[in-house]
């Protein structure tokens, strides 16, 4: 299985959707994985998986903003629908 570290700036819509699906109410400290990268820096990330890839998405304030903006855009798109049906 391939492992990929992704910064929030490089999140695709598909990876962001996976992240929202896995953490619909947001992530907390217990969801965060800490590890050292090749430069011996401590990285904090959350994990999402596909069939063949594990994505480790770096945690930052901007990631939280990206998730919030994604959810707002989904809600705006859904507001165009009504429950009124005429026969």
C-alpha atoms as a PDB file:
ATOM      1  CA  UNK A   1       0.000   0.000   0.000  1.00  0.00           C
ATOM      2  CA  UNK A   2       1.334   3.421  -0.968  1.00  0.00           C
ATOM      3  CA  UNK A   3       1.649   6.197   1.669  1.00  0.00           C
ATOM      4  CA  UNK A   4       1.368   9.817   0.615  1.00  0.00           C
ATOM      5  CA  UNK A   5       1.870  12.890   2.796  1.00  0.00           C
ATOM      6  CA  UNK A   6      -0.346  15.717   1.591  1.00  0.00           C
ATOM      7  CA  UNK A   7      -0.270  19.380   2.567  1.00  0.00           C
ATOM      8  CA  UNK A   8      -3.600  21.202   2.682  1.00  0.00           C
ATOM      9  CA  UNK A   9      -2.520  23.305  -0.335  1.00  0.00           C
ATOM     10  CA  UNK A  10      -2.361  20.179  -2.475  1.00  0.00           C
ATOM     11  CA  UNK A  11      -5.634  18.583  -1.390  1.00  0.00           C
ATOM     12  CA  UNK A  12      -7.723  17.431  -4.307  1.00  0.00           C
ATOM     13  CA  UNK A  13     -11.504  17.547  -4.106  1.00  0.00           C
ATOM     14  CA  UNK A  14     -11.507  13.737  -3.881  1.00  0.00           C
ATOM     15  CA  UNK A  15      -9.144  13.630  -0.898  1.00  0.00           C
ATOM     16  CA  UNK A  16     -11.040  16.452   0.802  1.00  0.00           C
ATOM     17  CA  UNK A  17     -14.300  14.543   0.290  1.00  0.00           C
ATOM     18  CA  UNK A  18     -12.723  11.431   1.858  1.00  0.00           C
ATOM     19  CA  UNK A  19     -11.588  13.530   4.800  1.00  0.00           C
ATOM     20  CA  UNK A  20     -15.089  14.973   5.293  1.00  0.00           C
ATOM     21  CA  UNK A  21     -16.591  11.491   5.023  1.00  0.00           C
ATOM     22  CA  UNK A  22     -14.242  10.042   7.638  1.00  0.00           C
ATOM     23  CA  UNK A  23     -14.447  13.015  10.015  1.00  0.00           C
ATOM     24  CA  UNK A  24     -17.926  14.534   9.460  1.00  0.00           C
ATOM     25  CA  UNK A  25     -17.842  16.262  12.855  1.00  0.00           C
ATOM     26  CA  UNK A  26     -14.177  17.225  12.572  1.00  0.00           C
ATOM     27  CA  UNK A  27     -11.147  15.481  13.986  1.00  0.00           C
ATOM     28  CA  UNK A  28      -9.779  15.705  17.500  1.00  0.00           C
ATOM     29  CA  UNK A  29      -6.456  15.023  19.195  1.00  0.00           C
ATOM     30  CA  UNK A  30      -7.033  11.259  19.254  1.00  0.00           C
ATOM     31  CA  UNK A  31      -7.270  11.233  15.425  1.00  0.00           C
ATOM     32  CA  UNK A  32      -3.918  12.970  14.921  1.00  0.00           C
ATOM     33  CA  UNK A  33      -0.861  10.895  14.047  1.00  0.00           C
ATOM     34  CA  UNK A  34       2.563  12.327  14.935  1.00  0.00           C
ATOM     35  CA  UNK A  35       5.742  11.258  13.156  1.00  0.00           C
ATOM     36  CA  UNK A  36       9.122  12.608  12.040  1.00  0.00           C
ATOM     37  CA  UNK A  37       9.764  13.303   8.382  1.00  0.00           C
ATOM     38  CA  UNK A  38      13.056  12.905   6.509  1.00  0.00           C
ATOM     39  CA  UNK A  39      14.218  16.294   7.847  1.00  0.00           C
ATOM     40  CA  UNK A  40      13.611  15.056  11.410  1.00  0.00           C
ATOM     41  CA  UNK A  41      10.708  17.519  11.825  1.00  0.00           C
ATOM     42  CA  UNK A  42       7.641  16.444  13.783  1.00  0.00           C
ATOM     43  CA  UNK A  43       4.609  16.254  11.526  1.00  0.00           C
ATOM     44  CA  UNK A  44       1.014  16.004  12.711  1.00  0.00           C
ATOM     45  CA  UNK A  45      -1.475  14.495  10.291  1.00  0.00           C
ATOM     46  CA  UNK A  46      -4.825  12.777   9.993  1.00  0.00           C
ATOM     47  CA  UNK A  47      -5.220   9.625   7.952  1.00  0.00           C
ATOM     48  CA  UNK A  48      -7.642   8.728   5.182  1.00  0.00           C
ATOM     49  CA  UNK A  49      -7.439   5.580   3.094  1.00  0.00           C
ATOM     50  CA  UNK A  50      -8.430   4.472  -0.343  1.00  0.00           C
ATOM     51  CA  UNK A  51      -8.174   0.951  -1.671  1.00  0.00           C
ATOM     52  CA  UNK A  52      -4.505   1.366  -2.586  1.00  0.00           C
ATOM     53  CA  UNK A  53      -3.262   4.509  -0.782  1.00  0.00           C
ATOM     54  CA  UNK A  54      -2.954   5.867   2.738  1.00  0.00           C
ATOM     55  CA  UNK A  55      -3.078   9.660   2.740  1.00  0.00           C
ATOM     56  CA  UNK A  56      -1.515  11.447   5.702  1.00  0.00           C
ATOM     57  CA  UNK A  57      -2.910  14.975   5.585  1.00  0.00           C
ATOM     58  CA  UNK A  58      -0.876  17.531   7.496  1.00  0.00           C
ATOM     59  CA  UNK A  59      -2.880  19.180  10.258  1.00  0.00           C
ATOM     60  CA  UNK A  60      -2.970  22.964  10.345  1.00  0.00           C
ATOM     61  CA  UNK A  61      -5.383  25.831  10.864  1.00  0.00           C
ATOM     62  CA  UNK A  62      -5.659  26.103   7.096  1.00  0.00           C
ATOM     63  CA  UNK A  63      -6.773  22.473   6.862  1.00  0.00           C
ATOM     64  CA  UNK A  64      -9.632  23.233   9.250  1.00  0.00           C
ATOM     65  CA  UNK A  65     -10.533  26.260   7.120  1.00  0.00           C
ATOM     66  CA  UNK A  66     -10.496  24.126   3.947  1.00  0.00           C
ATOM     67  CA  UNK A  67     -12.852  21.593   5.524  1.00  0.00           C
ATOM     68  CA  UNK A  68     -15.203  24.330   6.703  1.00  0.00           C
ATOM     69  CA  UNK A  69     -15.241  26.007   3.279  1.00  0.00           C
ATOM     70  CA  UNK A  70     -15.905  22.661   1.581  1.00  0.00           C
ATOM     71  CA  UNK A  71     -18.877  22.016   3.861  1.00  0.00           C
ATOM     72  CA  UNK A  72     -20.243  25.528   3.257  1.00  0.00           C
ATOM     73  CA  UNK A  73     -20.048  25.023  -0.517  1.00  0.00           C
ATOM     74  CA  UNK A  74     -21.904  21.706  -0.238  1.00  0.00           C
ATOM     75  CA  UNK A  75     -24.637  23.347   1.850  1.00  0.00           C
ATOM     76  CA  UNK A  76     -24.997  26.182  -0.657  1.00  0.00           C
ATOM     77  CA  UNK A  77     -25.363  23.692  -3.519  1.00  0.00           C
ATOM     78  CA  UNK A  78     -28.035  21.770  -1.596  1.00  0.00           C
ATOM     79  CA  UNK A  79     -30.007  24.971  -0.904  1.00  0.00           C
ATOM     80  CA  UNK A  80     -31.044  25.071  -4.554  1.00  0.00           C
ATOM     81  CA  UNK A  81     -33.320  22.092  -3.985  1.00  0.00           C
ATOM     82  CA  UNK A  82     -36.817  22.197  -2.530  1.00  0.00           C
ATOM     83  CA  UNK A  83     -39.039  19.578  -0.989  1.00  0.00           C
ATOM     84  CA  UNK A  84     -42.116  20.790  -2.899  1.00  0.00           C
ATOM     85  CA  UNK A  85     -43.568  18.285  -5.306  1.00  0.00           C
ATOM     86  CA  UNK A  86     -46.529  18.896  -7.595  1.00  0.00           C
ATOM     87  CA  UNK A  87     -48.492  16.160  -9.183  1.00  0.00           C
END
